[in-house]
N, C-alpha and C. Protein backbone atom coordinates (compact mmCIF):
# COMPACT_ATOMS: atom_id res chain seq x y z
N MET A 1 133.32 114.35 65.67
CA MET A 1 131.35 114.02 65.97
C MET A 1 131.45 114.97 63.86
N ASN A 2 130.62 114.13 63.15
CA ASN A 2 130.47 114.47 62.07
C ASN A 2 129.28 116.01 61.96
N PRO A 3 129.26 116.16 60.81
CA PRO A 3 128.61 117.73 60.89
C PRO A 3 126.54 117.09 61.09
N ILE A 4 126.23 115.86 60.70
CA ILE A 4 124.77 115.51 60.82
C ILE A 4 124.63 115.36 62.42
N GLU A 5 125.42 114.87 62.68
CA GLU A 5 125.14 114.06 64.44
C GLU A 5 125.10 115.68 65.06
N ARG A 6 126.31 116.60 64.80
CA ARG A 6 126.19 117.69 65.39
C ARG A 6 124.94 118.71 65.03
N ARG A 7 124.60 118.69 64.07
CA ARG A 7 123.59 119.62 64.04
C ARG A 7 122.30 118.62 64.41
N GLN A 8 122.20 117.57 64.29
CA GLN A 8 120.88 116.88 65.28
C GLN A 8 121.14 117.25 66.78
N LEU A 9 122.22 117.57 67.49
CA LEU A 9 122.63 117.62 68.79
C LEU A 9 122.10 119.55 68.65
N VAL A 10 122.53 119.72 68.04
CA VAL A 10 122.06 121.46 67.89
C VAL A 10 120.61 121.49 67.75
N LEU A 11 119.92 120.86 66.88
CA LEU A 11 118.59 121.21 67.76
C LEU A 11 117.69 120.59 68.89
N GLU A 12 118.96 119.29 68.93
CA GLU A 12 117.89 119.21 70.54
C GLU A 12 118.45 120.21 71.42
N TYR A 13 119.50 120.62 71.09
CA TYR A 13 119.60 121.85 72.45
C TYR A 13 119.04 122.95 72.78
N LEU A 14 118.65 123.37 71.24
CA LEU A 14 117.53 124.40 71.22
C LEU A 14 116.01 123.85 71.50
N ASN A 15 115.56 122.78 71.40
CA ASN A 15 114.51 122.02 71.85
C ASN A 15 114.56 122.62 73.09
N VAL A 16 115.05 122.41 73.88
CA VAL A 16 115.18 122.59 75.29
C VAL A 16 115.74 123.73 75.83
N HIS A 17 116.61 124.23 75.65
CA HIS A 17 117.31 125.88 75.73
C HIS A 17 116.06 127.03 74.88
N ARG A 18 115.22 126.85 73.67
CA ARG A 18 114.41 127.72 72.99
C ARG A 18 115.28 128.26 72.40
N GLN A 19 116.96 128.80 72.07
CA GLN A 19 117.46 129.93 72.00
C GLN A 19 118.72 129.45 72.19
N ALA A 20 119.94 130.39 71.81
CA ALA A 20 120.75 130.37 71.64
C ALA A 20 121.69 131.64 70.91
N THR A 21 123.03 131.68 71.43
CA THR A 21 123.87 133.01 70.42
C THR A 21 124.83 131.56 69.83
N TYR A 22 125.54 132.11 69.05
CA TYR A 22 126.20 131.38 68.01
C TYR A 22 127.31 130.95 68.88
N LYS A 23 127.75 131.98 70.01
CA LYS A 23 129.13 132.04 70.69
C LYS A 23 128.85 130.54 71.27
N GLU A 24 127.42 130.87 72.08
CA GLU A 24 127.28 129.88 73.22
C GLU A 24 127.47 128.41 72.55
N LEU A 25 126.33 127.81 71.32
CA LEU A 25 126.86 126.67 70.43
C LEU A 25 127.67 126.66 70.19
N ALA A 26 128.67 127.56 70.20
CA ALA A 26 129.82 126.87 69.52
C ALA A 26 131.13 126.58 70.19
N THR A 27 130.96 127.14 71.56
CA THR A 27 131.84 126.72 72.86
C THR A 27 131.05 125.69 73.23
N HIS A 28 130.04 125.11 73.42
CA HIS A 28 129.37 124.08 73.92
C HIS A 28 129.37 122.52 72.86
N PHE A 29 129.41 122.86 71.22
CA PHE A 29 129.84 122.07 70.91
C PHE A 29 131.13 122.01 70.74
N GLY A 30 132.06 122.81 71.02
CA GLY A 30 133.76 122.56 70.74
C GLY A 30 134.14 123.15 69.16
N VAL A 31 133.39 123.79 68.38
CA VAL A 31 133.73 124.09 67.37
C VAL A 31 133.54 125.87 66.92
N SER A 32 133.91 126.09 65.79
CA SER A 32 134.08 127.49 65.47
C SER A 32 132.50 128.00 65.26
N LYS A 33 132.80 129.58 65.56
CA LYS A 33 131.51 130.08 65.26
C LYS A 33 130.91 129.99 63.96
N ASN A 34 131.87 129.81 62.63
CA ASN A 34 131.41 129.96 61.15
C ASN A 34 131.17 128.54 61.22
N THR A 35 131.34 127.28 61.88
CA THR A 35 130.66 126.19 61.65
C THR A 35 129.19 126.35 62.05
N ILE A 36 129.13 126.88 63.32
CA ILE A 36 127.95 127.15 63.88
C ILE A 36 127.02 127.51 62.94
N ILE A 37 127.23 128.56 62.37
CA ILE A 37 126.64 129.31 61.42
C ILE A 37 126.15 128.56 60.29
N THR A 38 127.15 128.30 59.32
CA THR A 38 126.97 126.55 58.86
C THR A 38 126.07 125.94 58.82
N ASP A 39 126.29 125.39 60.41
CA ASP A 39 125.08 124.24 60.72
C ASP A 39 123.51 125.46 60.92
N VAL A 40 123.58 126.09 61.52
CA VAL A 40 122.05 126.95 61.66
C VAL A 40 121.75 126.88 60.18
N THR A 41 122.33 127.38 59.24
CA THR A 41 122.35 127.73 57.78
C THR A 41 121.06 126.46 56.96
N GLU A 42 122.37 125.38 57.35
CA GLU A 42 121.54 124.35 57.01
C GLU A 42 120.22 124.10 57.84
N LEU A 43 120.14 123.93 58.80
CA LEU A 43 118.61 123.90 59.70
C LEU A 43 117.86 124.21 59.60
N THR A 44 118.12 125.66 58.94
CA THR A 44 117.26 126.54 58.79
C THR A 44 116.05 126.10 57.45
N CYS A 45 116.51 125.30 56.64
CA CYS A 45 115.89 124.88 55.34
C CYS A 45 115.07 123.85 56.10
N SER A 46 114.98 122.69 57.13
CA SER A 46 114.43 121.93 57.47
C SER A 46 113.66 122.12 58.69
N ALA A 47 114.03 123.07 59.71
CA ALA A 47 113.38 123.01 61.08
C ALA A 47 112.81 124.51 61.28
N PRO A 48 111.84 124.65 62.08
CA PRO A 48 111.37 125.96 62.25
C PRO A 48 112.25 126.42 63.30
N ILE A 49 113.71 126.98 62.71
CA ILE A 49 114.24 127.98 63.75
C ILE A 49 114.65 129.14 62.70
N TYR A 50 114.92 130.45 63.46
CA TYR A 50 115.18 131.54 63.00
C TYR A 50 115.88 132.30 63.36
N THR A 51 117.29 133.57 63.14
CA THR A 51 118.15 133.76 64.32
C THR A 51 117.38 135.95 63.89
N VAL A 52 117.50 135.98 64.92
CA VAL A 52 117.27 137.17 65.24
C VAL A 52 118.44 138.14 65.34
N HIS A 53 118.50 139.41 65.31
CA HIS A 53 119.65 140.12 65.00
C HIS A 53 119.95 141.34 65.83
N GLY A 54 121.26 141.60 66.10
CA GLY A 54 121.40 142.63 67.18
C GLY A 54 121.34 142.34 68.66
N ASN A 55 121.60 143.62 69.56
CA ASN A 55 121.30 142.66 71.08
C ASN A 55 120.47 142.06 71.44
N GLY A 56 120.32 141.01 72.22
CA GLY A 56 119.46 140.27 72.21
C GLY A 56 118.88 139.26 71.34
N GLY A 57 119.68 139.09 70.24
CA GLY A 57 119.26 138.15 69.26
C GLY A 57 119.86 137.01 69.26
N GLY A 58 120.18 136.37 68.60
CA GLY A 58 120.26 134.29 68.49
C GLY A 58 119.29 133.95 67.66
N ILE A 59 119.74 132.52 68.20
CA ILE A 59 118.85 131.54 67.19
C ILE A 59 117.44 131.10 68.07
N ARG A 60 116.75 130.99 67.46
CA ARG A 60 115.71 130.75 67.90
C ARG A 60 114.72 129.87 67.53
N VAL A 61 113.85 129.21 68.07
CA VAL A 61 112.91 127.98 67.51
C VAL A 61 111.42 128.51 67.88
N SER A 62 110.41 127.88 66.58
CA SER A 62 109.27 128.56 66.69
C SER A 62 108.79 128.23 68.16
N ASP A 63 107.57 129.24 68.69
CA ASP A 63 107.06 128.13 70.20
C ASP A 63 106.34 127.47 69.50
N GLU A 64 105.51 126.62 68.69
CA GLU A 64 104.77 126.01 68.90
C GLU A 64 105.98 124.70 68.54
N TRP A 65 107.28 124.56 68.58
CA TRP A 65 107.50 123.49 68.06
C TRP A 65 108.60 122.34 68.96
N TYR A 66 108.52 120.95 68.90
CA TYR A 66 109.08 120.69 69.93
C TYR A 66 109.31 119.49 69.51
N ILE A 67 110.91 119.22 69.58
CA ILE A 67 111.32 117.16 68.77
C ILE A 67 110.61 116.17 69.57
N GLY A 68 110.18 115.40 68.67
CA GLY A 68 109.76 114.26 69.66
C GLY A 68 108.34 114.22 70.25
N ARG A 69 107.70 115.23 70.33
CA ARG A 69 106.78 115.29 71.43
C ARG A 69 105.34 116.19 70.62
N ARG A 70 104.54 115.94 70.43
CA ARG A 70 103.02 116.64 70.15
C ARG A 70 102.30 116.88 71.38
N TYR A 71 102.17 118.47 71.62
CA TYR A 71 101.24 118.98 72.55
C TYR A 71 100.14 119.31 71.88
N LEU A 72 99.70 119.63 72.50
CA LEU A 72 98.04 120.74 72.41
C LEU A 72 98.04 122.05 71.08
N HIS A 73 97.45 122.19 70.81
CA HIS A 73 97.46 123.97 70.36
C HIS A 73 97.27 125.02 71.55
N SER A 74 97.21 125.75 71.44
CA SER A 74 96.83 126.95 72.83
C SER A 74 95.47 126.98 72.74
N ASP A 75 94.61 127.14 71.60
CA ASP A 75 92.75 126.64 71.49
C ASP A 75 92.42 125.29 72.17
N GLN A 76 93.26 124.08 71.93
CA GLN A 76 92.65 122.99 72.66
C GLN A 76 92.96 123.09 73.64
N GLU A 77 94.01 123.71 73.98
CA GLU A 77 94.15 123.76 75.84
C GLU A 77 93.49 124.21 76.38
N ASN A 78 93.07 125.51 75.63
CA ASN A 78 92.34 126.59 76.42
C ASN A 78 90.59 126.50 76.63
N LEU A 79 90.39 125.29 76.11
CA LEU A 79 89.08 125.13 75.45
C LEU A 79 88.91 123.95 76.58
N LEU A 80 89.62 122.88 76.83
CA LEU A 80 89.80 121.92 77.77
C LEU A 80 90.00 122.88 79.29
N ARG A 81 90.54 123.65 79.31
CA ARG A 81 90.69 124.13 80.92
C ARG A 81 89.57 125.24 81.24
N LYS A 82 88.51 125.17 80.04
CA LYS A 82 87.35 126.08 80.26
C LYS A 82 86.23 125.00 80.47
N LEU A 83 86.17 123.47 80.10
CA LEU A 83 85.50 122.96 80.61
C LEU A 83 86.05 122.14 81.63
N LEU A 84 87.23 122.20 82.34
CA LEU A 84 87.88 121.30 83.55
C LEU A 84 86.65 121.70 84.91
N PRO A 85 86.37 122.89 85.10
CA PRO A 85 85.29 123.06 85.58
C PRO A 85 84.05 122.45 86.36
N ARG A 86 83.03 122.56 84.64
CA ARG A 86 82.34 121.55 84.61
C ARG A 86 82.20 120.47 84.99
N LEU A 87 83.67 119.37 84.93
CA LEU A 87 83.65 118.07 85.04
C LEU A 87 83.10 117.50 86.50
N LYS A 88 82.45 116.35 86.86
CA LYS A 88 82.81 115.67 88.14
C LYS A 88 83.76 115.36 88.31
N PRO A 89 83.64 115.00 89.45
CA PRO A 89 85.49 115.02 90.04
C PRO A 89 85.93 113.78 89.67
N GLU A 90 85.81 112.72 88.97
CA GLU A 90 86.13 111.72 88.53
C GLU A 90 87.17 111.99 87.08
N GLU A 91 85.65 112.62 86.36
CA GLU A 91 86.07 113.59 85.08
C GLU A 91 87.37 114.40 85.21
N ARG A 92 86.95 115.28 85.90
CA ARG A 92 88.33 116.45 86.11
C ARG A 92 89.59 115.76 86.28
N LYS A 93 89.40 114.69 87.23
CA LYS A 93 91.23 114.18 87.51
C LYS A 93 91.66 113.37 85.94
N THR A 94 90.60 113.07 85.40
CA THR A 94 90.94 112.59 83.77
C THR A 94 91.37 113.89 83.19
N MET A 95 90.63 114.72 82.89
CA MET A 95 90.89 115.70 82.15
C MET A 95 92.88 116.34 82.69
N GLU A 96 92.37 116.43 83.78
CA GLU A 96 93.75 117.05 84.23
C GLU A 96 94.82 115.90 83.92
N SER A 97 94.52 114.92 84.10
CA SER A 97 95.85 113.71 83.45
C SER A 97 96.11 114.01 82.04
N ILE A 98 95.17 114.63 81.08
CA ILE A 98 95.20 114.54 79.84
C ILE A 98 95.81 116.37 79.53
N LEU A 99 95.61 117.39 80.49
CA LEU A 99 96.57 118.05 80.64
C LEU A 99 97.67 118.18 81.08
N TYR A 100 98.10 117.47 81.77
CA TYR A 100 99.18 117.04 82.09
C TYR A 100 100.26 116.32 81.52
N ALA A 101 99.58 115.68 80.64
CA ALA A 101 100.44 114.93 79.49
C ALA A 101 100.62 115.97 78.05
N PHE A 102 99.72 116.66 77.86
CA PHE A 102 100.21 117.03 76.68
C PHE A 102 100.00 118.85 76.16
N ALA A 103 100.10 119.39 77.42
CA ALA A 103 99.88 120.77 77.74
C ALA A 103 101.18 121.52 77.29
N LYS A 104 102.07 122.10 76.54
CA LYS A 104 103.06 122.95 76.33
C LYS A 104 103.64 122.91 77.85
N PRO A 105 104.85 122.53 78.53
CA PRO A 105 105.29 122.68 79.61
C PRO A 105 105.25 124.25 79.95
N LYS A 106 105.02 125.03 80.92
CA LYS A 106 104.85 126.41 80.90
C LYS A 106 106.42 126.52 81.84
N ALA A 107 107.13 127.73 81.74
CA ALA A 107 108.62 128.32 82.42
C ALA A 107 108.57 127.58 83.24
N ASN A 108 108.23 127.28 84.36
CA ASN A 108 108.80 126.21 85.28
C ASN A 108 108.65 124.87 85.32
N GLY A 109 108.21 124.11 84.30
CA GLY A 109 108.36 123.11 84.05
C GLY A 109 107.03 122.20 84.41
N GLU A 110 105.97 123.39 84.51
CA GLU A 110 105.01 122.74 84.93
C GLU A 110 103.88 123.00 83.68
N SER A 111 102.91 121.82 83.73
CA SER A 111 102.15 122.16 82.50
C SER A 111 100.47 122.77 83.09
N ILE A 112 100.57 122.38 84.62
CA ILE A 112 98.83 122.63 84.78
C ILE A 112 99.57 124.00 85.66
């Protein structure tokens, strides 16, 4: 696998897991820790990822960033949820489908 392909896969991995350690990524991709350090350094120039040093540290992605999907901003989602109880039943069902499709997934995988 060439570096460009691996870096794309690192981004996809971080997109799903939201954080990882250098060791975890090196093991997952079968490369050295130094290779992953180089990859992450390159990726920080073009993607909203950052590193946290110390115990519990690692590579993380910005909370608002997801690959290939656009989500509602928290203020947009909050407004729609606030309006939800005021809607007629058929409008409420439509609003819930919008929230399900475009609200950021919660920790358990649900968006509503």
